């Protein structure tokens, strides 16, 4: 489900590991590893289908990667922040689904370089701090800014998640990575699911279906952040 809209699924992994009462440090590093696998698979699928825009991606990544590295060095105790982020994602899910209005989100407006650099820095720091790739926040922003349509958004978000996850994982590795033993089985499962989802999303799903699926992904992510 996550890879079909260009996401890595970190919020879902963190929720499951939280329910299993896993150590927070193991949770962050394990979620980032799984993120790398799924987002990399998703990017390959959407890039191969011709939906990637380097013009939008490069300035976002230029600031997000170093800030993800910095953010990963901060403590993982961010309960209040996660609730606020959950509320923002809840609003975004309703906005994209069309609950608030009938505004079409597919047409584009002029790309703003300065806004992209600032957005990348903020998302990078946040993603590194709480152990996600940042795509769960970037996707609705790209659509609401009207910089890209839904499949371009998926491709950009997938690579954005990949590079930020790699940056955050690199920072965590300085202090020593803590990876769960169950990762052996989880990596095989998420790779298979990611491959299937990315192929469906990039080749077969229409824009309306992806918008609905993305709004559902954001809704579930917001519920996990707020209540788990």
Protein backbone atom coordinates (compact mmCIF):
# COMPACT_ATOMS: atom_id res chain seq x y z
CA UNK A 1 0.00 0.00 0.00
CA UNK A 2 2.72 2.49 0.93
CA UNK A 3 4.92 1.85 -2.11
CA UNK A 4 1.97 2.32 -4.49
CA UNK A 5 1.96 6.03 -3.54
CA UNK A 6 5.76 6.38 -3.25
CA UNK A 7 6.06 5.97 0.52
CA UNK A 8 8.36 3.80 2.60
CA UNK A 9 5.98 2.90 5.42
CA UNK A 10 8.06 4.07 8.40
CA UNK A 11 5.05 5.33 10.31
CA UNK A 12 3.46 1.90 9.99
CA UNK A 13 6.62 0.06 11.08
CA UNK A 14 7.03 2.36 14.06
CA UNK A 15 3.41 1.78 15.08
CA UNK A 16 3.77 -2.01 14.93
CA UNK A 17 7.08 -1.98 16.81
CA UNK A 18 5.59 0.35 19.41
CA UNK A 19 2.74 -2.10 20.00
CA UNK A 20 5.36 -4.85 20.43
CA UNK A 21 7.14 -2.64 23.04
CA UNK A 22 10.45 -2.64 21.21
CA UNK A 23 13.35 -0.43 22.30
CA UNK A 24 13.03 3.09 20.76
CA UNK A 25 16.56 2.99 19.34
CA UNK A 26 15.90 -0.37 17.68
CA UNK A 27 12.62 1.01 16.36
CA UNK A 28 14.23 4.01 14.67
CA UNK A 29 17.08 2.15 13.00
CA UNK A 30 14.90 -0.80 11.94
CA UNK A 31 12.23 1.51 10.49
CA UNK A 32 14.86 3.37 8.47
CA UNK A 33 16.30 0.14 7.03
CA UNK A 34 12.82 -1.01 5.97
CA UNK A 35 12.20 2.46 4.57
CA UNK A 36 15.28 2.17 2.36
CA UNK A 37 14.06 -1.10 0.88
CA UNK A 38 10.47 -0.05 0.16
CA UNK A 39 11.18 3.52 -0.99
CA UNK A 40 14.00 2.31 -3.23
CA UNK A 41 11.66 -0.22 -4.81
CA UNK A 42 8.93 2.40 -5.21
CA UNK A 43 11.30 4.91 -6.81
CA UNK A 44 12.54 2.33 -9.30
CA UNK A 45 8.98 1.57 -10.39
CA UNK A 46 7.83 5.18 -10.80
CA UNK A 47 11.14 6.34 -12.30
CA UNK A 48 11.07 3.56 -14.88
CA UNK A 49 7.52 4.58 -15.79
CA UNK A 50 8.77 8.14 -16.47
CA UNK A 51 7.25 10.06 -13.55
CA UNK A 52 10.37 11.48 -11.84
CA UNK A 53 11.21 15.23 -11.81
CA UNK A 54 14.82 15.99 -10.86
CA UNK A 55 14.13 19.76 -11.02
CA UNK A 56 11.83 19.49 -8.01
CA UNK A 57 13.75 16.76 -6.20
CA UNK A 58 17.29 18.21 -6.19
CA UNK A 59 16.66 21.40 -4.12
CA UNK A 60 14.49 19.43 -1.66
CA UNK A 61 17.19 16.81 -1.19
CA UNK A 62 20.03 19.35 -1.06
CA UNK A 63 18.83 20.68 2.28
CA UNK A 64 16.92 17.66 3.62
CA UNK A 65 19.87 15.22 3.63
CA UNK A 66 22.18 17.23 5.94
CA UNK A 67 19.28 18.21 8.18
CA UNK A 68 18.11 14.59 8.42
CA UNK A 69 21.64 13.76 9.59
CA UNK A 70 21.40 16.46 12.27
CA UNK A 71 17.88 15.51 13.31
CA UNK A 72 18.83 11.88 13.87
CA UNK A 73 21.19 13.01 16.62
CA UNK A 74 18.32 14.30 18.78
CA UNK A 75 16.44 12.18 21.35
CA UNK A 76 13.51 10.12 20.05
CA UNK A 77 11.15 11.28 22.83
CA UNK A 78 8.89 13.47 20.69
CA UNK A 79 5.37 12.57 21.87
CA UNK A 80 3.95 16.10 21.73
CA UNK A 81 5.47 16.74 18.33
CA UNK A 82 4.11 13.45 16.96
CA UNK A 83 0.59 14.43 18.04
CA UNK A 84 0.88 17.79 16.30
CA UNK A 85 2.23 16.11 13.18
CA UNK A 86 -0.64 13.64 13.31
CA UNK A 87 -3.17 16.49 13.35
CA UNK A 88 -1.47 18.13 10.35
CA UNK A 89 -1.52 14.85 8.41
CA UNK A 90 -5.17 14.35 9.29
CA UNK A 91 -6.01 17.74 7.77
CA UNK A 92 -3.89 16.92 4.70
CA UNK A 93 -5.67 13.61 4.18
CA UNK A 94 -9.06 15.33 4.16
CA UNK A 95 -7.79 18.09 1.87
CA UNK A 96 -6.41 15.68 -0.72
CA UNK A 97 -9.52 13.48 -0.62
CA UNK A 98 -11.66 16.52 -1.49
CA UNK A 99 -13.71 16.55 1.72
CA UNK A 100 -13.19 20.30 2.27
CA UNK A 101 -13.62 21.45 -1.30
CA UNK A 102 -13.62 20.41 -4.93
CA UNK A 103 -10.31 22.05 -5.87
CA UNK A 104 -8.46 20.09 -8.53
CA UNK A 105 -4.98 19.15 -7.31
CA UNK A 106 -3.56 18.00 -10.64
CA UNK A 107 -2.71 21.30 -12.35
CA UNK A 108 0.70 22.85 -11.69
CA UNK A 109 1.90 26.27 -10.56
CA UNK A 110 5.36 27.80 -10.85
CA UNK A 111 8.02 25.94 -8.84
CA UNK A 112 9.51 28.05 -6.02
CA UNK A 113 13.19 27.28 -5.38
CA UNK A 114 13.47 29.11 -2.04
CA UNK A 115 10.33 27.45 -0.70
CA UNK A 116 11.71 24.07 -1.80
CA UNK A 117 15.02 24.62 0.01
CA UNK A 118 13.27 25.63 3.23
CA UNK A 119 10.76 22.79 2.96
CA UNK A 120 13.56 20.27 2.44
CA UNK A 121 15.47 21.48 5.49
CA UNK A 122 12.43 21.33 7.78
CA UNK A 123 11.29 17.92 6.56
CA UNK A 124 14.80 16.52 6.72
CA UNK A 125 15.29 17.55 10.34
CA UNK A 126 11.89 16.21 11.37
CA UNK A 127 12.36 12.91 9.54
CA UNK A 128 15.76 12.33 11.12
CA UNK A 129 14.46 13.17 14.59
CA UNK A 130 11.55 10.73 14.66
CA UNK A 131 12.94 8.03 12.36
CA UNK A 132 10.90 8.44 9.18
CA UNK A 133 11.83 9.37 5.61
CA UNK A 134 9.69 12.50 5.44
CA UNK A 135 7.69 11.48 2.38
CA UNK A 136 4.52 11.13 4.42
CA UNK A 137 4.72 14.91 4.90
CA UNK A 138 6.24 15.80 1.53
CA UNK A 139 3.55 14.10 -0.60
CA UNK A 140 0.63 16.26 0.57
CA UNK A 141 2.81 19.39 0.41
CA UNK A 142 3.78 18.76 -3.23
CA UNK A 143 0.12 18.31 -4.12
CA UNK A 144 -1.09 21.28 -2.09
CA UNK A 145 1.69 23.49 -3.53
CA UNK A 146 0.61 22.12 -6.94
CA UNK A 147 4.21 21.51 -8.00
CA UNK A 148 3.52 17.99 -9.30
CA UNK A 149 0.69 15.63 -10.12
CA UNK A 150 0.06 12.45 -8.14
CA UNK A 151 2.43 10.03 -9.90
CA UNK A 152 5.27 12.58 -10.10
CA UNK A 153 4.68 13.18 -6.39
CA UNK A 154 5.06 9.46 -5.71
CA UNK A 155 8.38 9.29 -7.59
CA UNK A 156 9.82 12.40 -5.90
CA UNK A 157 8.65 11.32 -2.45
CA UNK A 158 10.10 7.83 -2.86
CA UNK A 159 13.62 9.06 -3.61
CA UNK A 160 13.27 11.79 -0.95
CA UNK A 161 12.45 9.10 1.61
CA UNK A 162 15.37 6.97 0.44
CA UNK A 163 18.05 9.66 0.77
CA UNK A 164 16.72 10.94 4.10
CA UNK A 165 16.48 7.43 5.52
CA UNK A 166 20.06 6.78 4.43
CA UNK A 167 21.22 10.04 6.01
CA UNK A 168 19.42 9.33 9.28
CA UNK A 169 20.75 5.77 9.35
CA UNK A 170 24.29 7.04 8.78
CA UNK A 171 23.96 9.35 11.79
CA UNK A 172 22.62 6.54 13.98
CA UNK A 173 25.47 4.26 12.87
CA UNK A 174 27.99 6.64 14.45
CA UNK A 175 26.72 5.62 17.89
CA UNK A 176 26.20 2.00 16.80
CA UNK A 177 23.17 0.59 15.02
CA UNK A 178 20.61 -1.49 16.91
CA UNK A 179 18.76 -3.72 14.45
CA UNK A 180 16.04 -6.17 15.45
CA UNK A 181 16.65 -9.87 14.68
CA UNK A 182 13.19 -10.02 13.10
CA UNK A 183 14.52 -7.73 10.36
CA UNK A 184 15.61 -10.80 8.39
CA UNK A 185 12.01 -11.80 7.81
CA UNK A 186 10.67 -8.27 7.60
CA UNK A 187 13.03 -7.20 4.81
CA UNK A 188 11.89 -10.04 2.55
CA UNK A 189 8.24 -9.25 3.25
CA UNK A 190 8.47 -5.49 2.66
CA UNK A 191 10.55 -5.94 -0.51
CA UNK A 192 7.92 -8.24 -2.01
CA UNK A 193 5.07 -5.95 -1.00
CA UNK A 194 6.96 -2.88 -2.17
CA UNK A 195 7.63 -4.40 -5.58
CA UNK A 196 3.98 -5.32 -6.11
CA UNK A 197 2.70 -1.95 -4.86
CA UNK A 198 5.08 0.14 -6.93
CA UNK A 199 4.22 -1.74 -10.12
CA UNK A 200 0.50 -1.30 -9.52
CA UNK A 201 0.81 2.37 -8.62
CA UNK A 202 3.07 3.36 -11.51
CA UNK A 203 1.52 1.29 -14.29
CA UNK A 204 -2.09 0.40 -13.56
CA UNK A 205 -3.65 2.76 -11.00
CA UNK A 206 -5.36 5.93 -12.24
CA UNK A 207 -4.83 9.32 -10.62
CA UNK A 208 -8.14 9.27 -8.74
CA UNK A 209 -7.38 5.88 -7.20
CA UNK A 210 -3.93 7.04 -6.09
CA UNK A 211 -5.33 10.23 -4.56
CA UNK A 212 -7.84 8.21 -2.55
CA UNK A 213 -5.17 5.72 -1.49
CA UNK A 214 -2.79 8.52 -0.51
CA UNK A 215 -5.50 10.19 1.60
CA UNK A 216 -6.09 6.83 3.35
CA UNK A 217 -2.35 6.36 3.97
CA UNK A 218 -2.14 9.85 5.48
CA UNK A 219 -5.25 9.21 7.59
CA UNK A 220 -3.89 5.96 9.04
CA UNK A 221 -0.49 7.57 9.62
CA UNK A 222 -2.12 10.43 11.52
CA UNK A 223 -4.08 7.99 13.70
CA UNK A 224 -0.88 6.09 14.51
CA UNK A 225 1.00 9.26 15.40
CA UNK A 226 -1.81 10.60 17.60
CA UNK A 227 -2.91 7.46 19.42
CA UNK A 228 0.05 5.03 19.40
